[in-house]
N, C-alpha and C. Protein backbone atom coordinates (compact mmCIF):
# COMPACT_ATOMS: atom_id res chain seq x y z
N UNK A 1 4.85 206.61 -14.82
CA UNK A 1 4.41 204.61 -14.84
C UNK A 1 3.23 205.10 -16.58
N UNK A 2 3.18 204.57 -16.96
CA UNK A 2 2.47 204.72 -17.79
C UNK A 2 1.97 203.03 -18.51
N UNK A 3 0.71 202.94 -19.34
CA UNK A 3 -0.33 201.58 -18.96
C UNK A 3 -0.67 201.49 -20.78
N UNK A 4 -0.72 200.43 -20.67
CA UNK A 4 -1.59 200.10 -22.35
C UNK A 4 -2.68 200.34 -21.93
N UNK A 5 -3.65 200.41 -22.30
CA UNK A 5 -5.42 200.95 -22.84
C UNK A 5 -5.20 200.13 -23.61
N UNK A 6 -4.97 199.86 -24.63
CA UNK A 6 -5.65 199.22 -26.18
C UNK A 6 -6.22 197.58 -25.43
N UNK A 7 -7.38 196.37 -26.21
CA UNK A 7 -6.53 195.05 -25.64
C UNK A 7 -5.56 194.69 -25.37
N UNK A 8 -5.25 194.89 -26.94
CA UNK A 8 -4.57 193.64 -27.01
C UNK A 8 -2.76 195.71 -27.77
N UNK A 9 -1.35 194.84 -27.47
CA UNK A 9 -0.73 196.40 -28.12
C UNK A 9 0.27 195.46 -28.30
N UNK A 10 1.02 195.66 -29.38
CA UNK A 10 2.79 195.34 -29.75
C UNK A 10 3.62 196.59 -29.29
N UNK A 11 4.67 195.35 -28.52
CA UNK A 11 6.12 195.78 -28.25
C UNK A 11 7.22 196.25 -28.27
N UNK A 12 8.08 196.45 -29.09
CA UNK A 12 8.74 196.14 -30.27
C UNK A 12 10.05 196.93 -28.95
N UNK A 13 11.47 196.46 -28.89
CA UNK A 13 12.72 196.34 -28.89
C UNK A 13 13.22 198.03 -29.17
N UNK A 14 12.75 197.82 -30.45
CA UNK A 14 13.31 198.74 -31.73
C UNK A 14 12.28 199.69 -32.68
N UNK A 15 12.30 201.00 -33.24
CA UNK A 15 11.10 201.69 -33.18
C UNK A 15 10.87 200.76 -34.41
N UNK A 16 12.27 200.24 -35.76
CA UNK A 16 11.16 199.93 -37.05
C UNK A 16 11.09 198.62 -36.63
N UNK A 17 11.31 197.75 -35.55
CA UNK A 17 10.33 196.40 -35.78
C UNK A 17 8.84 196.73 -35.18
N UNK A 18 8.44 197.90 -34.96
CA UNK A 18 6.87 198.33 -34.31
C UNK A 18 6.22 198.69 -35.41
N UNK A 19 6.93 200.02 -36.57
CA UNK A 19 6.05 200.15 -37.44
C UNK A 19 6.47 198.62 -37.85
N UNK A 20 7.10 197.31 -38.47
CA UNK A 20 7.25 196.73 -39.44
C UNK A 20 5.74 195.64 -38.77
N UNK A 21 5.42 195.34 -37.95
CA UNK A 21 4.63 195.00 -37.06
C UNK A 21 3.65 195.37 -36.63
N UNK A 22 3.22 196.93 -36.69
CA UNK A 22 1.70 197.88 -37.24
C UNK A 22 1.49 197.16 -38.55
N UNK A 23 2.32 197.07 -39.60
CA UNK A 23 2.22 198.25 -41.37
C UNK A 23 1.64 196.06 -42.10
N UNK A 24 2.46 195.04 -40.78
CA UNK A 24 0.82 193.50 -41.49
C UNK A 24 0.51 193.10 -39.70
N UNK A 25 -0.58 193.37 -39.75
CA UNK A 25 -0.93 192.74 -38.58
C UNK A 25 -1.39 191.67 -38.77
N UNK A 26 -1.33 190.32 -39.66
CA UNK A 26 -1.66 188.94 -40.28
C UNK A 26 -0.71 188.26 -40.12
N UNK A 27 1.05 188.83 -40.47
CA UNK A 27 2.25 188.20 -40.48
C UNK A 27 2.60 187.85 -38.95
N UNK A 28 3.74 186.90 -38.97
CA UNK A 28 3.91 186.40 -37.57
C UNK A 28 4.57 188.13 -37.40
N UNK A 29 4.97 188.52 -36.04
CA UNK A 29 5.52 189.82 -35.16
C UNK A 29 7.23 189.28 -35.65
N UNK A 30 7.63 190.19 -35.53
CA UNK A 30 9.51 190.00 -35.59
C UNK A 30 10.10 189.44 -34.42
N UNK A 31 10.87 188.81 -34.11
CA UNK A 31 11.26 188.68 -32.47
C UNK A 31 12.11 189.67 -31.90
N UNK A 32 12.44 190.90 -32.53
CA UNK A 32 12.26 191.57 -31.23
C UNK A 32 11.08 192.19 -30.19
N UNK A 33 9.91 191.44 -31.41
CA UNK A 33 9.07 192.05 -30.56
C UNK A 33 7.88 191.07 -29.82
N UNK A 34 6.64 191.52 -28.96
CA UNK A 34 5.29 190.59 -28.53
C UNK A 34 4.28 191.62 -28.32
N UNK A 35 2.98 190.75 -28.07
CA UNK A 35 2.34 191.28 -28.21
C UNK A 35 1.95 191.49 -26.26
N UNK A 36 1.22 192.26 -26.19
CA UNK A 36 1.09 192.78 -25.14
C UNK A 36 -0.73 193.41 -23.62
N UNK A 37 -1.28 192.50 -22.58
CA UNK A 37 -2.68 192.82 -22.69
C UNK A 37 -2.74 194.43 -22.25
N UNK A 38 -4.44 194.92 -21.64
CA UNK A 38 -4.70 195.80 -21.58
C UNK A 38 -4.59 195.84 -19.79
N UNK A 39 -3.21 197.20 -19.47
CA UNK A 39 -2.48 197.15 -18.45
C UNK A 39 -1.24 197.31 -17.66
N UNK A 40 -0.82 196.36 -18.35
CA UNK A 40 0.78 196.16 -18.78
C UNK A 40 1.03 197.61 -18.78
N UNK A 41 1.99 197.71 -17.61
CA UNK A 41 2.45 198.56 -17.41
C UNK A 41 4.41 199.31 -18.01
N UNK A 42 4.38 200.00 -17.91
CA UNK A 42 5.54 200.61 -18.37
C UNK A 42 6.08 201.78 -17.29
N UNK A 43 7.63 202.31 -17.43
CA UNK A 43 8.43 203.34 -16.80
C UNK A 43 8.53 203.90 -18.31
N UNK A 44 7.78 205.33 -18.84
CA UNK A 44 8.08 205.70 -20.33
C UNK A 44 9.35 206.83 -20.06
N UNK A 45 10.54 206.83 -20.81
CA UNK A 45 12.05 207.40 -20.98
C UNK A 45 11.31 208.61 -21.85
N UNK A 46 10.39 208.07 -22.81
CA UNK A 46 10.41 209.60 -24.40
C UNK A 46 8.94 209.57 -24.47
N UNK A 47 8.64 210.05 -24.21
CA UNK A 47 6.93 210.21 -24.44
C UNK A 47 6.34 210.89 -25.64
N UNK A 48 8.06 211.88 -26.03
CA UNK A 48 7.85 212.50 -27.62
C UNK A 48 8.01 211.75 -28.55
N UNK A 49 9.27 210.41 -28.57
CA UNK A 49 9.81 209.52 -29.67
C UNK A 49 8.73 209.62 -31.09
N UNK A 50 9.49 209.23 -32.64
CA UNK A 50 8.14 209.45 -33.10
C UNK A 50 9.76 208.76 -34.48
N UNK A 51 9.33 208.36 -35.28
CA UNK A 51 10.09 206.93 -36.29
C UNK A 51 8.94 206.80 -37.63
N UNK A 52 9.88 207.55 -38.73
CA UNK A 52 9.75 208.60 -39.61
C UNK A 52 9.35 207.74 -41.13
N UNK A 53 9.11 206.26 -41.12
CA UNK A 53 8.92 205.47 -42.65
C UNK A 53 9.66 205.84 -42.72
N UNK A 54 10.08 204.54 -43.80
CA UNK A 54 10.92 204.85 -44.99
C UNK A 54 10.97 204.80 -46.11
N UNK A 55 9.50 203.90 -46.16
CA UNK A 55 8.84 203.79 -47.52
C UNK A 55 8.03 205.73 -48.38
N UNK A 56 8.01 206.74 -47.15
CA UNK A 56 6.85 206.88 -47.39
C UNK A 56 7.30 209.16 -46.59
N UNK A 57 8.41 210.10 -45.98
CA UNK A 57 8.34 210.92 -45.63
C UNK A 57 7.85 212.07 -45.07
N UNK A 58 6.65 211.61 -45.52
CA UNK A 58 5.84 212.36 -44.66
C UNK A 58 4.67 211.85 -44.08
N UNK A 59 4.71 210.44 -43.22
CA UNK A 59 4.33 209.73 -42.17
C UNK A 59 5.13 209.16 -41.43
N UNK A 60 3.70 209.41 -40.08
CA UNK A 60 5.47 209.26 -38.99
C UNK A 60 4.86 208.81 -38.16
N UNK A 61 4.95 207.20 -37.25
CA UNK A 61 4.68 206.84 -36.37
C UNK A 61 4.67 207.51 -34.98
N UNK A 62 4.19 207.90 -33.94
CA UNK A 62 4.38 207.89 -32.95
C UNK A 62 4.50 207.33 -31.54
N UNK A 63 5.37 207.46 -30.85
CA UNK A 63 6.27 206.78 -29.60
C UNK A 63 5.97 206.79 -28.68
N UNK A 64 6.12 205.88 -27.93
CA UNK A 64 6.95 205.88 -26.44
C UNK A 64 7.79 204.83 -25.98
N UNK A 65 8.96 205.55 -26.02
CA UNK A 65 10.05 204.59 -25.78
C UNK A 65 10.26 204.66 -23.88
N UNK A 66 10.53 203.08 -24.06
CA UNK A 66 10.18 203.29 -22.02
C UNK A 66 11.48 202.19 -22.06
N UNK A 67 10.88 201.22 -20.49
CA UNK A 67 11.21 200.04 -20.17
C UNK A 67 10.02 199.30 -18.93
N UNK A 68 10.47 197.90 -19.01
CA UNK A 68 10.24 197.63 -18.30
C UNK A 68 9.45 197.22 -16.62
N UNK A 69 9.00 197.72 -16.44
CA UNK A 69 9.30 198.13 -14.93
C UNK A 69 9.81 196.96 -14.10
N UNK A 70 10.49 196.86 -12.77
CA UNK A 70 11.61 195.71 -12.17
C UNK A 70 10.33 196.04 -11.23
N UNK A 71 10.89 194.36 -10.99
CA UNK A 71 9.47 193.25 -10.51
C UNK A 71 10.84 193.22 -8.57
N UNK A 72 9.94 192.31 -8.28
CA UNK A 72 10.74 192.30 -6.91
C UNK A 72 11.66 190.78 -7.04
N UNK A 73 12.77 191.29 -6.11
CA UNK A 73 14.26 191.03 -6.61
C UNK A 73 14.48 190.82 -7.89
N UNK A 74 14.10 191.91 -8.08
CA UNK A 74 15.01 191.54 -9.96
C UNK A 74 16.71 191.80 -9.71
N UNK A 75 16.48 191.35 -11.01
CA UNK A 75 18.91 190.80 -10.49
C UNK A 75 19.29 191.12 -12.43
N UNK A 76 18.35 191.10 -13.18
CA UNK A 76 18.67 191.26 -14.31
C UNK A 76 18.55 192.82 -15.26
N UNK A 77 19.05 193.09 -16.31
CA UNK A 77 19.15 195.00 -16.74
C UNK A 77 17.85 195.24 -17.09
N UNK A 78 17.87 196.39 -16.94
CA UNK A 78 15.87 197.05 -17.79
C UNK A 78 15.99 195.98 -19.55
N UNK A 79 14.88 196.01 -19.33
CA UNK A 79 14.96 195.45 -20.56
C UNK A 79 13.64 196.50 -21.45
N UNK A 80 14.31 197.51 -22.97
CA UNK A 80 13.84 198.72 -23.16
C UNK A 80 12.65 198.36 -24.12
N UNK A 81 11.26 198.92 -24.15
CA UNK A 81 10.25 199.28 -25.67
C UNK A 81 10.13 200.01 -26.35
N UNK A 82 9.65 200.09 -27.37
CA UNK A 82 8.75 201.35 -28.01
C UNK A 82 7.13 200.49 -28.30
N UNK A 83 6.27 201.43 -28.31
CA UNK A 83 4.72 201.48 -27.80
C UNK A 83 4.77 202.08 -28.79
N UNK A 84 3.80 201.75 -29.66
CA UNK A 84 2.73 203.03 -30.47
C UNK A 84 2.32 204.34 -29.16
N UNK A 85 2.27 205.08 -29.15
CA UNK A 85 1.80 206.23 -28.68
C UNK A 85 -0.33 206.47 -28.14
N UNK A 86 -0.73 205.64 -29.48
CA UNK A 86 -2.32 205.58 -28.64
C UNK A 86 -2.42 204.73 -28.55
N UNK A 87 -1.55 204.21 -27.78
CA UNK A 87 -2.08 202.48 -27.39
C UNK A 87 -1.61 202.74 -25.31
N UNK A 88 -1.27 203.63 -25.20
CA UNK A 88 -0.77 204.07 -23.88
C UNK A 88 -1.25 205.58 -23.17
N UNK A 89 -1.19 205.36 -22.09
CA UNK A 89 -2.27 206.48 -21.36
C UNK A 89 -1.07 206.76 -20.04
N UNK A 90 -0.74 207.76 -19.77
CA UNK A 90 -0.36 207.68 -18.18
C UNK A 90 -0.86 207.16 -17.21
N UNK A 91 -0.17 206.53 -16.17
CA UNK A 91 -0.88 206.47 -15.08
C UNK A 91 -1.15 207.84 -14.14
N UNK A 92 -2.06 208.13 -13.70
CA UNK A 92 -2.57 209.23 -12.41
C UNK A 92 -3.06 209.25 -11.71
N UNK A 93 -2.52 209.58 -10.23
CA UNK A 93 -3.09 209.75 -9.29
C UNK A 93 -4.65 210.46 -8.97
N UNK A 94 -5.09 210.81 -7.58
CA UNK A 94 -5.94 211.59 -7.28
C UNK A 94 -5.91 212.41 -7.73
N UNK A 95 -4.75 213.46 -7.58
CA UNK A 95 -4.13 214.74 -8.15
C UNK A 95 -4.25 215.36 -9.33
N UNK A 96 -4.16 214.32 -9.75
CA UNK A 96 -3.22 214.30 -11.26
C UNK A 96 -2.40 214.67 -11.99
N UNK A 97 -1.76 213.61 -11.39
CA UNK A 97 0.30 213.66 -11.18
C UNK A 97 -0.14 211.91 -11.69
N UNK A 98 1.41 212.77 -12.12
CA UNK A 98 1.99 211.20 -12.31
C UNK A 98 2.51 209.91 -11.50
N UNK A 99 1.88 208.81 -11.84
CA UNK A 99 2.20 208.19 -10.79
C UNK A 99 3.93 207.61 -10.71
N UNK A 100 4.41 207.53 -10.26
CA UNK A 100 5.90 207.22 -10.27
C UNK A 100 6.28 205.69 -9.96
N UNK A 101 7.10 204.89 -10.34
CA UNK A 101 7.17 203.44 -10.17
C UNK A 101 7.49 202.60 -9.13
N UNK A 102 7.42 202.57 -7.98
CA UNK A 102 7.76 202.59 -7.10
C UNK A 102 9.25 201.07 -6.98
N UNK A 103 9.20 200.75 -7.77
CA UNK A 103 11.18 200.16 -7.71
C UNK A 103 11.55 200.61 -9.03
N UNK A 104 12.90 200.71 -8.86
CA UNK A 104 13.92 200.86 -10.00
C UNK A 104 15.36 199.24 -10.27
N UNK A 105 15.67 199.50 -10.85
CA UNK A 105 16.85 197.66 -11.53
C UNK A 105 17.72 198.30 -9.90
N UNK A 106 18.10 197.56 -10.18
CA UNK A 106 18.76 196.79 -9.27
C UNK A 106 20.30 198.09 -9.41
N UNK A 107 21.43 198.40 -8.25
CA UNK A 107 22.24 199.04 -8.90
C UNK A 107 23.57 198.18 -7.74
N UNK A 108 25.00 197.84 -8.40
CA UNK A 108 25.72 197.60 -7.16
C UNK A 108 26.64 198.02 -6.83
N UNK A 109 27.68 199.08 -6.77
CA UNK A 109 29.08 199.23 -5.90
C UNK A 109 30.38 199.29 -5.42
N UNK A 110 31.30 198.92 -5.23
CA UNK A 110 32.40 199.09 -3.95
C UNK A 110 32.42 200.02 -3.53
N UNK A 111 32.73 200.87 -2.58
CA UNK A 111 33.21 201.53 -1.58
C UNK A 111 34.06 201.57 -0.97
N UNK A 112 35.55 202.43 -1.15
CA UNK A 112 36.39 202.01 -0.04
C UNK A 112 36.37 203.14 0.60
N UNK A 113 37.46 202.85 1.66
CA UNK A 113 37.28 204.24 2.98
C UNK A 113 38.80 204.08 3.31
N UNK A 114 39.88 204.82 3.69
CA UNK A 114 41.82 204.62 4.65
C UNK A 114 40.53 205.02 5.80
N UNK A 115 41.00 204.22 6.53
CA UNK A 115 41.37 204.46 8.29
C UNK A 115 42.85 204.46 8.56
N UNK A 116 42.59 204.40 9.62
CA UNK A 116 43.30 204.98 10.73
C UNK A 116 43.69 204.21 11.90
N UNK A 117 44.39 202.93 11.90
CA UNK A 117 44.63 202.66 13.53
C UNK A 117 45.92 203.05 14.30
N UNK A 118 45.01 203.54 15.87
CA UNK A 118 45.94 203.98 16.49
C UNK A 118 47.60 204.01 16.62
N UNK A 119 48.27 203.48 15.60
CA UNK A 119 49.53 203.09 15.61
C UNK A 119 50.41 204.65 14.50
N UNK A 120 48.90 204.39 13.55
CA UNK A 120 49.60 205.48 12.27
C UNK A 120 49.18 204.60 11.49
N UNK A 121 49.06 203.20 11.01
CA UNK A 121 48.56 202.24 10.03
C UNK A 121 47.66 202.78 9.63
N UNK A 122 47.85 202.62 7.82
CA UNK A 122 46.65 202.96 7.07
C UNK A 122 45.82 201.68 6.40
N UNK A 123 44.58 202.12 7.18
CA UNK A 123 44.05 200.18 6.54
C UNK A 123 42.99 200.83 5.17
N UNK A 124 42.45 199.53 4.09
CA UNK A 124 41.37 200.70 3.03
C UNK A 124 40.56 199.05 3.41
N UNK A 125 39.60 200.24 4.28
CA UNK A 125 38.25 199.07 4.02
C UNK A 125 37.53 199.03 2.77
N UNK A 126 36.46 197.96 2.58
CA UNK A 126 36.04 197.71 1.45
C UNK A 126 34.52 197.30 1.66
N UNK A 127 33.65 197.86 1.08
CA UNK A 127 32.53 197.22 1.19
C UNK A 127 31.46 196.77 -0.27
N UNK A 128 30.33 196.23 -0.59
CA UNK A 128 29.85 196.18 -1.55
C UNK A 128 28.10 196.90 -0.95
N UNK A 129 27.62 197.82 -1.79
CA UNK A 129 26.73 198.31 -1.52
C UNK A 129 25.61 197.66 -2.48
N UNK A 130 24.38 197.34 -2.67
CA UNK A 130 23.74 196.86 -3.15
C UNK A 130 22.45 196.96 -3.00
N UNK A 131 21.74 198.17 -3.88
CA UNK A 131 20.51 198.63 -3.40
C UNK A 131 19.65 198.07 -5.14
N UNK A 132 18.62 197.16 -4.11
CA UNK A 132 17.29 196.78 -4.55
C UNK A 132 16.18 197.21 -4.25
N UNK A 133 15.08 196.25 -4.43
CA UNK A 133 13.85 196.61 -4.49
C UNK A 133 13.70 195.77 -3.38
N UNK A 134 13.06 195.73 -2.62
CA UNK A 134 12.22 194.42 -1.42
C UNK A 134 11.07 194.93 -1.39
N UNK A 135 10.45 194.01 -1.22
CA UNK A 135 9.03 194.16 -0.29
C UNK A 135 8.39 195.82 -1.32
N UNK A 136 8.90 196.09 -2.07
CA UNK A 136 7.85 196.45 -3.01
C UNK A 136 9.17 198.66 -2.84
N UNK A 137 9.87 198.40 -2.06
CA UNK A 137 10.59 199.51 -1.32
C UNK A 137 12.52 199.00 -1.75
N UNK A 138 12.82 200.18 -2.42
CA UNK A 138 14.18 200.60 -2.96
C UNK A 138 14.56 200.37 -1.41
N UNK A 139 16.33 198.77 -0.95
CA UNK A 139 17.02 198.89 0.10
C UNK A 139 18.35 198.81 -0.33
N UNK A 140 18.78 199.29 0.86
CA UNK A 140 20.79 199.74 0.50
C UNK A 140 21.08 199.04 1.64
N UNK A 141 21.99 197.21 0.99
CA UNK A 141 22.40 196.47 1.44
C UNK A 141 23.76 196.65 1.67
N UNK A 142 24.34 196.13 2.62
CA UNK A 142 26.31 196.65 2.51
C UNK A 142 26.15 195.19 3.31
N UNK A 143 27.60 195.40 2.18
CA UNK A 143 28.18 193.74 3.00
C UNK A 143 30.17 194.41 2.80
N UNK A 144 30.45 194.02 3.37
CA UNK A 144 31.95 193.77 3.70
C UNK A 144 33.20 192.67 3.13
N UNK A 145 34.09 193.69 1.84
CA UNK A 145 34.59 193.31 1.19
C UNK A 145 36.17 192.82 2.04
N UNK A 146 36.60 193.34 3.42
CA UNK A 146 38.08 193.24 3.28
C UNK A 146 37.91 193.44 5.29
């Protein structure tokens, strides 16, 4: 898990939008960008991302590519973002290890199994499994479909 350490930082869906937003701070932000305050937490997926400037190949923006943390009873898909590396830092525990997010985005899938009845007939038993965050922990919920 990482947190924004700058007073205010820009996060964008794409590296190109982030570059455009940080080059002209007086202009309006691109639609794929927004400002976040210090303490905004996110999960880092790639801590060594980079964006080469299109008009000067000798310059590069150092980025962190990640996604927003899943909230309680999250129902949506992950929202991915890019942030400048200088604006964020890892969250460490007392031993100096990286703190992992407690919850992830929900997953749903269907399970199927064949069961044999005492008379020898086969029956298909199906169920829907949903894994989601409940009270800060990932929980598995099973619902029979038939």
